[in-house]
Amino acid sequence: MGLKRLTKGKGSTALRAGLAALALLGGAGAGQAQGGLFTPPEGCKTYLTVQSRSCVVTNHFVCPQIDPDHRFRTDFGEAGAYFTSRIDGDGQWIESGPPEAPTRTRTVRPIRDPGSVSELIENGLDSFDFTQRSTIDGPTRVTGFDRIIGEIEIDGEKLYRTEFEMTRSDASGRVIEHVRGREYVSDKHKRFFAGFAADVTEDARQANARDRSPVEFIYPGEQGFRGIYPRHDCDLMSGLPQAEDKA
């Protein structure tokens, strides 16, 4: 699913260097909003804006000086930027968090079974089993799978439709989150785009169901590129808490 892992075989030295560069940029995951447009950190470049359901707009950008293979994104809701994440060239999750702390949650090595967009597209099914460490929750084990169930075109963008299941467990093995849903994966961008997801943990206090499916894919030169104001389902979402995405 959208919560992804570090690339197989990449050394910790390169990762440390990338994180150091991220810190020097003052949090490259966040960027800034100037004049109603998203402005990525210095040396970074925005390449795609996606308007989604549930009142979310996402700006995707690259930062070659940190790592030419990695890609970043920042999500905006009605109240502004609230989530940022970093993936590698195969759509595998590296780190994420709020804009003021973009490295709040990170993948931990060694990785038992990293996920891979390439393997998913080639085989139709991809499993994952890894550990992430959060500054709030500590270490958690994440297991599950992604499966391709069809193809679809949204706003001219060709995507694969997927279904996923993901379980997060604490150090004692207790399940703290069990999520099922459907997403979209792009061969072109080697990444997931959120869809419908629901927490089905038995003792969950609320189902927290949400639909973040993409509606518009906006490229440089098109109206709305680098926009920071979401425009789909916002009236429906007013007064409701934003659900943090895992991608």
Foldseek 3Di string as FASTA:
>chain_A
DLQFAADPPDDVVLVVQLVVVCVVQQHQQAADQDPQFGGGTPQKDWFKWFFWAPAKIKTKIDRVVSPRFKIKMWIFGQVGTFKMFMDGNFAGGAAMGGRNCGRQKGWDPDFPFGWGNVCCVVPQKGWGWTWMAGPPQGIKIKTKMKGFDAWDAAQNATWTKIKMWMWIADPVRHTPWIKIDIWIAHPVRNHIFFAWMFTPPPPDPDRPIDGTHTHHMDGPPGPPRRGRGHDHCNVVNPPPDDDDDND
